[in-house]
Amino acid sequence: ALYSGHKSTVNAMGVHADSSPDPFDDPKVETIVEIFKRITKGAWGAVSTAFLADATPIALSGHTRRRGEYGPLIDQALNSVKANYSWTNHGGPDVFFGGGAEQFFAGKGSYQGKDYYQEFAKKGYTVSWNKTALAAADPSKKALGVFCKSNLPVWLDRNVYKDNLKNLKNDPSGGSGDAAD
């Protein structure tokens, strides 16, 4: 409701929820990003300490009755909604920063087993997994920054309780190390 101006149903975003088995066939509601792109053609993005498929960042471009459909929602963020009728193509985010790497590296967590780091790169995005890579990224290109699995550590953990960052095994590449940068 926050991103579309239309009240919906629990766990739904960007749709008028129906009772069919398919969580993606519900009538769509245009989100603020889609309205903005249709009217102004401007840039849009999401920066979040949550994982990028979490409802708050993904509802900018997501359309589903089931918010837990993380992989397909990441695909919608990159590729817009594919519908059987005319629909605003939001063109993908210009900036997309957060956590949730498990939805991006190839394997069981990502949509259709695809490597979404590569999918974003194929569309001209710089891809950063840490602060060092982000600082070196070309600012004239669209940017994807996925800095850890799950949610990002909060300010207190990064700045005061730094021992909390050890042994998280949250490497955004899918490895077993820590996302320390």
C-alpha atoms as a PDB file:
ATOM      1  CA  ALA A   1       0.000   0.000   0.000  1.00  0.00           C
ATOM      2  CA  LEU A   2       2.881   2.368   0.784  1.00  0.00           C
ATOM      3  CA  TYR A   3       4.393   2.043  -2.703  1.00  0.00           C
ATOM      4  CA  SER A   4       1.185   1.869  -4.741  1.00  0.00           C
ATOM      5  CA  GLY A   5      -1.450   3.852  -2.874  1.00  0.00           C
ATOM      6  CA  HIS A   6      -3.753   0.809  -2.947  1.00  0.00           C
ATOM      7  CA  LYS A   7      -4.608  -1.215   0.119  1.00  0.00           C
ATOM      8  CA  SER A   8      -3.863  -4.874  -0.461  1.00  0.00           C
ATOM      9  CA  THR A   9      -3.865  -8.151   1.425  1.00  0.00           C
ATOM     10  CA  VAL A  10      -1.423  -9.596   3.955  1.00  0.00           C
ATOM     11  CA  ASN A  11       1.767 -10.753   2.166  1.00  0.00           C
ATOM     12  CA  ALA A  12       0.687  -9.241  -1.160  1.00  0.00           C
ATOM     13  CA  MET A  13       2.403  -6.360  -2.936  1.00  0.00           C
ATOM     14  CA  GLY A  14       1.525  -4.508  -6.099  1.00  0.00           C
ATOM     15  CA  VAL A  15      -1.537  -6.642  -6.823  1.00  0.00           C
ATOM     16  CA  HIS A  16      -5.240  -7.003  -6.151  1.00  0.00           C
ATOM     17  CA  ALA A  17      -5.018 -10.458  -4.563  1.00  0.00           C
ATOM     18  CA  ASP A  18      -7.229 -13.230  -5.900  1.00  0.00           C
ATOM     19  CA  SER A  19      -7.567 -16.883  -4.882  1.00  0.00           C
ATOM     20  CA  SER A  20      -5.950 -18.628  -7.863  1.00  0.00           C
ATOM     21  CA  PRO A  21      -2.994 -20.977  -7.180  1.00  0.00           C
ATOM     22  CA  ASP A  22      -0.477 -18.801  -9.101  1.00  0.00           C
ATOM     23  CA  PRO A  23       0.928 -16.000  -6.873  1.00  0.00           C
ATOM     24  CA  PHE A  24       1.867 -13.982  -9.982  1.00  0.00           C
ATOM     25  CA  ASP A  25      -1.372 -13.953 -12.002  1.00  0.00           C
ATOM     26  CA  ASP A  26      -3.223 -11.437  -9.822  1.00  0.00           C
ATOM     27  CA  PRO A  27      -4.330  -8.115 -11.338  1.00  0.00           C
ATOM     28  CA  LYS A  28      -1.402  -5.708 -11.027  1.00  0.00           C
ATOM     29  CA  VAL A  29      -1.350  -2.297  -9.357  1.00  0.00           C
ATOM     30  CA  GLU A  30       1.169   0.212 -10.679  1.00  0.00           C
ATOM     31  CA  THR A  31       3.848   1.037  -8.076  1.00  0.00           C
ATOM     32  CA  ILE A  32       5.317   4.467  -7.459  1.00  0.00           C
ATOM     33  CA  VAL A  33       8.444   3.429  -9.379  1.00  0.00           C
ATOM     34  CA  GLU A  34       6.409   2.372 -12.406  1.00  0.00           C
ATOM     35  CA  ILE A  35       4.383   5.605 -12.302  1.00  0.00           C
ATOM     36  CA  PHE A  36       7.603   7.630 -11.939  1.00  0.00           C
ATOM     37  CA  LYS A  37       9.272   5.839 -14.879  1.00  0.00           C
ATOM     38  CA  ARG A  38       6.174   6.148 -17.074  1.00  0.00           C
ATOM     39  CA  ILE A  39       5.811   9.882 -16.416  1.00  0.00           C
ATOM     40  CA  THR A  40       9.395  11.167 -15.962  1.00  0.00           C
ATOM     41  CA  LYS A  41      11.685   8.388 -17.290  1.00  0.00           C
ATOM     42  CA  GLY A  42      13.863   9.215 -14.238  1.00  0.00           C
ATOM     43  CA  ALA A  43      16.297   7.078 -12.252  1.00  0.00           C
ATOM     44  CA  TRP A  44      15.206   4.943  -9.319  1.00  0.00           C
ATOM     45  CA  GLY A  45      16.873   2.718  -6.768  1.00  0.00           C
ATOM     46  CA  ALA A  46      16.755   1.050  -3.377  1.00  0.00           C
ATOM     47  CA  VAL A  47      19.350   1.100  -0.613  1.00  0.00           C
ATOM     48  CA  SER A  48      18.503  -1.039   2.389  1.00  0.00           C
ATOM     49  CA  THR A  49      20.078  -2.798   5.342  1.00  0.00           C
ATOM     50  CA  ALA A  50      17.523  -5.545   4.736  1.00  0.00           C
ATOM     51  CA  PHE A  51      17.999  -8.284   2.173  1.00  0.00           C
ATOM     52  CA  LEU A  52      16.993  -6.883  -1.221  1.00  0.00           C
ATOM     53  CA  ALA A  53      14.092  -9.319  -1.682  1.00  0.00           C
ATOM     54  CA  ASP A  54      12.599  -8.190   1.640  1.00  0.00           C
ATOM     55  CA  ALA A  55       9.199  -6.522   1.273  1.00  0.00           C
ATOM     56  CA  THR A  56      10.392  -2.968   1.947  1.00  0.00           C
ATOM     57  CA  PRO A  57      12.914  -2.646  -0.901  1.00  0.00           C
ATOM     58  CA  ILE A  58      11.364  -5.151  -3.329  1.00  0.00           C
ATOM     59  CA  ALA A  59       7.824  -3.728  -3.189  1.00  0.00           C
ATOM     60  CA  LEU A  60       9.094  -0.805  -5.293  1.00  0.00           C
ATOM     61  CA  SER A  61       8.964  -3.125  -8.300  1.00  0.00           C
ATOM     62  CA  GLY A  62       7.359  -6.342  -7.048  1.00  0.00           C
ATOM     63  CA  HIS A  63       3.987  -7.784  -7.978  1.00  0.00           C
ATOM     64  CA  THR A  64       2.874 -10.933  -6.180  1.00  0.00           C
ATOM     65  CA  ARG A  65       0.347 -12.245  -3.736  1.00  0.00           C
ATOM     66  CA  ARG A  66       3.108 -14.029  -1.784  1.00  0.00           C
ATOM     67  CA  ARG A  67       5.949 -11.797  -0.603  1.00  0.00           C
ATOM     68  CA  GLY A  68       8.135 -14.844   0.136  1.00  0.00           C
ATOM     69  CA  GLU A  69       8.701 -15.455  -3.601  1.00  0.00           C
ATOM     70  CA  TYR A  70      12.162 -13.906  -3.275  1.00  0.00           C
ATOM     71  CA  GLY A  71      13.832 -15.200  -6.440  1.00  0.00           C
ATOM     72  CA  PRO A  72      11.089 -14.194  -8.867  1.00  0.00           C
ATOM     73  CA  LEU A  73      10.856 -10.789  -7.161  1.00  0.00           C
ATOM     74  CA  ILE A  74      14.587 -10.164  -7.762  1.00  0.00           C
ATOM     75  CA  ASP A  75      13.932 -11.088 -11.400  1.00  0.00           C
ATOM     76  CA  GLN A  76      11.062  -8.576 -11.504  1.00  0.00           C
ATOM     77  CA  ALA A  77      13.359  -5.882 -10.073  1.00  0.00           C
ATOM     78  CA  LEU A  78      15.808  -6.442 -12.923  1.00  0.00           C
ATOM     79  CA  ASN A  79      13.460  -7.286 -15.789  1.00  0.00           C
ATOM     80  CA  SER A  80      10.176  -5.605 -14.835  1.00  0.00           C
ATOM     81  CA  VAL A  81       6.836  -7.423 -14.907  1.00  0.00           C
ATOM     82  CA  LYS A  82       5.935  -9.577 -17.835  1.00  0.00           C
ATOM     83  CA  ALA A  83       2.179  -9.267 -18.316  1.00  0.00           C
ATOM     84  CA  ASN A  84      -0.332 -10.156 -21.007  1.00  0.00           C
ATOM     85  CA  TYR A  85      -1.169  -6.484 -21.462  1.00  0.00           C
ATOM     86  CA  SER A  86       0.646  -3.168 -21.707  1.00  0.00           C
ATOM     87  CA  TRP A  87       2.663  -2.522 -18.572  1.00  0.00           C
ATOM     88  CA  THR A  88       5.241   0.081 -17.607  1.00  0.00           C
ATOM     89  CA  ASN A  89       8.768  -1.296 -17.900  1.00  0.00           C
ATOM     90  CA  HIS A  90      10.658   0.308 -15.028  1.00  0.00           C
ATOM     91  CA  GLY A  91      13.996  -0.552 -16.648  1.00  0.00           C
ATOM     92  CA  GLY A  92      15.590  -2.022 -13.530  1.00  0.00           C
ATOM     93  CA  PRO A  93      16.990  -0.031 -10.630  1.00  0.00           C
ATOM     94  CA  ASP A  94      19.768   2.445 -11.284  1.00  0.00           C
ATOM     95  CA  VAL A  95      21.134   1.671  -7.808  1.00  0.00           C
ATOM     96  CA  PHE A  96      20.312  -1.506  -5.843  1.00  0.00           C
ATOM     97  CA  PHE A  97      22.260  -1.933  -2.585  1.00  0.00           C
ATOM     98  CA  GLY A  98      21.616  -4.273   0.333  1.00  0.00           C
ATOM     99  CA  GLY A  99      21.984  -7.831   1.552  1.00  0.00           C
ATOM    100  CA  GLY A 100      20.408 -11.098   0.471  1.00  0.00           C
ATOM    101  CA  ALA A 101      23.187 -12.605  -1.617  1.00  0.00           C
ATOM    102  CA  GLU A 102      21.550 -16.023  -1.480  1.00  0.00           C
ATOM    103  CA  GLN A 103      19.040 -14.766  -4.068  1.00  0.00           C
ATOM    104  CA  PHE A 104      21.821 -13.719  -6.447  1.00  0.00           C
ATOM    105  CA  PHE A 105      24.470 -16.426  -6.713  1.00  0.00           C
ATOM    106  CA  ALA A 106      23.616 -19.417  -8.866  1.00  0.00           C
ATOM    107  CA  GLY A 107      22.062 -22.300  -7.026  1.00  0.00           C
ATOM    108  CA  LYS A 108      18.972 -23.373  -5.184  1.00  0.00           C
ATOM    109  CA  GLY A 109      18.196 -19.944  -3.672  1.00  0.00           C
ATOM    110  CA  SER A 110      18.211 -17.974  -6.895  1.00  0.00           C
ATOM    111  CA  TYR A 111      15.345 -17.871  -9.351  1.00  0.00           C
ATOM    112  CA  GLN A 112      15.590 -20.748 -11.847  1.00  0.00           C
ATOM    113  CA  GLY A 113      19.148 -21.395 -10.571  1.00  0.00           C
ATOM    114  CA  LYS A 114      20.426 -18.324 -12.438  1.00  0.00           C
ATOM    115  CA  ASP A 115      23.415 -16.282 -11.357  1.00  0.00           C
ATOM    116  CA  TYR A 116      21.797 -12.883 -10.858  1.00  0.00           C
ATOM    117  CA  TYR A 117      25.164 -11.208 -10.407  1.00  0.00           C
ATOM    118  CA  GLN A 118      25.779 -12.171 -14.053  1.00  0.00           C
ATOM    119  CA  GLU A 119      22.223 -11.253 -15.094  1.00  0.00           C
ATOM    120  CA  PHE A 120      22.703  -7.728 -13.697  1.00  0.00           C
ATOM    121  CA  ALA A 121      26.201  -7.483 -15.228  1.00  0.00           C
ATOM    122  CA  LYS A 122      24.813  -8.484 -18.648  1.00  0.00           C
ATOM    123  CA  LYS A 123      22.506  -5.465 -18.430  1.00  0.00           C
ATOM    124  CA  GLY A 124      25.424  -3.102 -17.802  1.00  0.00           C
ATOM    125  CA  TYR A 125      25.539  -3.008 -14.012  1.00  0.00           C
ATOM    126  CA  THR A 126      28.723  -2.775 -11.989  1.00  0.00           C
ATOM    127  CA  VAL A 127      28.551  -5.488  -9.324  1.00  0.00           C
ATOM    128  CA  SER A 128      30.098  -4.896  -5.901  1.00  0.00           C
ATOM    129  CA  TRP A 129      30.377  -7.361  -3.039  1.00  0.00           C
ATOM    130  CA  ASN A 130      32.142  -5.057  -0.599  1.00  0.00           C
ATOM    131  CA  LYS A 131      32.991  -1.454   0.283  1.00  0.00           C
ATOM    132  CA  THR A 132      36.302  -1.536  -1.622  1.00  0.00           C
ATOM    133  CA  ALA A 133      34.664  -2.682  -4.883  1.00  0.00           C
ATOM    134  CA  LEU A 134      31.859  -0.165  -4.475  1.00  0.00           C
ATOM    135  CA  ALA A 135      34.352   2.699  -4.052  1.00  0.00           C
ATOM    136  CA  ALA A 136      36.080   1.602  -7.285  1.00  0.00           C
ATOM    137  CA  ALA A 137      32.838   1.187  -9.295  1.00  0.00           C
ATOM    138  CA  ASP A 138      32.184   3.378 -12.324  1.00  0.00           C
ATOM    139  CA  PRO A 139      29.673   6.020 -11.115  1.00  0.00           C
ATOM    140  CA  SER A 140      28.335   6.500 -14.654  1.00  0.00           C
ATOM    141  CA  LYS A 141      26.914   2.949 -14.734  1.00  0.00           C
ATOM    142  CA  LYS A 142      23.995   1.342 -12.987  1.00  0.00           C
ATOM    143  CA  ALA A 143      25.145  -0.316  -9.764  1.00  0.00           C
ATOM    144  CA  LEU A 144      24.303  -3.510  -7.895  1.00  0.00           C
ATOM    145  CA  GLY A 145      25.819  -3.858  -4.438  1.00  0.00           C
ATOM    146  CA  VAL A 146      25.068  -7.043  -2.527  1.00  0.00           C
ATOM    147  CA  PHE A 147      27.245  -7.003   0.548  1.00  0.00           C
ATOM    148  CA  CYS A 148      26.315 -10.137   2.488  1.00  0.00           C
ATOM    149  CA  LYS A 149      23.892 -12.995   2.814  1.00  0.00           C
ATOM    150  CA  SER A 150      20.667 -12.146   4.663  1.00  0.00           C
ATOM    151  CA  ASN A 151      20.409  -8.688   6.282  1.00  0.00           C
ATOM    152  CA  LEU A 152      23.362  -6.335   6.642  1.00  0.00           C
ATOM    153  CA  PRO A 153      24.884  -5.977  10.083  1.00  0.00           C
ATOM    154  CA  VAL A 154      23.570  -2.818  11.728  1.00  0.00           C
ATOM    155  CA  TRP A 155      25.587   0.271  12.687  1.00  0.00           C
ATOM    156  CA  LEU A 156      26.214  -0.910  16.269  1.00  0.00           C
ATOM    157  CA  ASP A 157      27.690  -4.190  15.038  1.00  0.00           C
ATOM    158  CA  ARG A 158      29.864  -2.500  12.398  1.00  0.00           C
ATOM    159  CA  ASN A 159      31.119   0.278  14.668  1.00  0.00           C
ATOM    160  CA  VAL A 160      30.846  -0.728  18.346  1.00  0.00           C
ATOM    161  CA  TYR A 161      30.364  -4.487  18.749  1.00  0.00           C
ATOM    162  CA  LYS A 162      32.671  -5.574  15.934  1.00  0.00           C
ATOM    163  CA  ASP A 163      33.141  -9.054  17.401  1.00  0.00           C
ATOM    164  CA  ASN A 164      29.511  -9.707  16.394  1.00  0.00           C
ATOM    165  CA  LEU A 165      30.681  -9.723  12.751  1.00  0.00           C
ATOM    166  CA  LYS A 166      32.968 -12.732  13.213  1.00  0.00           C
ATOM    167  CA  ASN A 167      31.915 -16.220  12.094  1.00  0.00           C
ATOM    168  CA  LEU A 168      28.722 -15.088  10.344  1.00  0.00           C
ATOM    169  CA  LYS A 169      29.648 -17.022   7.191  1.00  0.00           C
ATOM    170  CA  ASN A 170      27.783 -14.379   5.175  1.00  0.00           C
ATOM    171  CA  ASP A 171      30.148 -13.938   2.222  1.00  0.00           C
ATOM    172  CA  PRO A 172      28.117 -12.449  -0.660  1.00  0.00           C
ATOM    173  CA  SER A 173      29.889 -14.640  -3.234  1.00  0.00           C
ATOM    174  CA  GLY A 174      28.376 -17.727  -1.652  1.00  0.00           C
ATOM    175  CA  GLY A 175      31.580 -18.795   0.068  1.00  0.00           C
ATOM    176  CA  SER A 176      31.781 -19.755   3.718  1.00  0.00           C
ATOM    177  CA  GLY A 177      33.757 -16.695   4.876  1.00  0.00           C
ATOM    178  CA  ASP A 178      32.605 -13.529   6.569  1.00  0.00           C
ATOM    179  CA  ALA A 179      31.549 -10.354   4.788  1.00  0.00           C
ATOM    180  CA  ALA A 180      34.069  -8.204   6.625  1.00  0.00           C
ATOM    181  CA  ASP A 181      34.429  -5.229   4.218  1.00  0.00           C
END
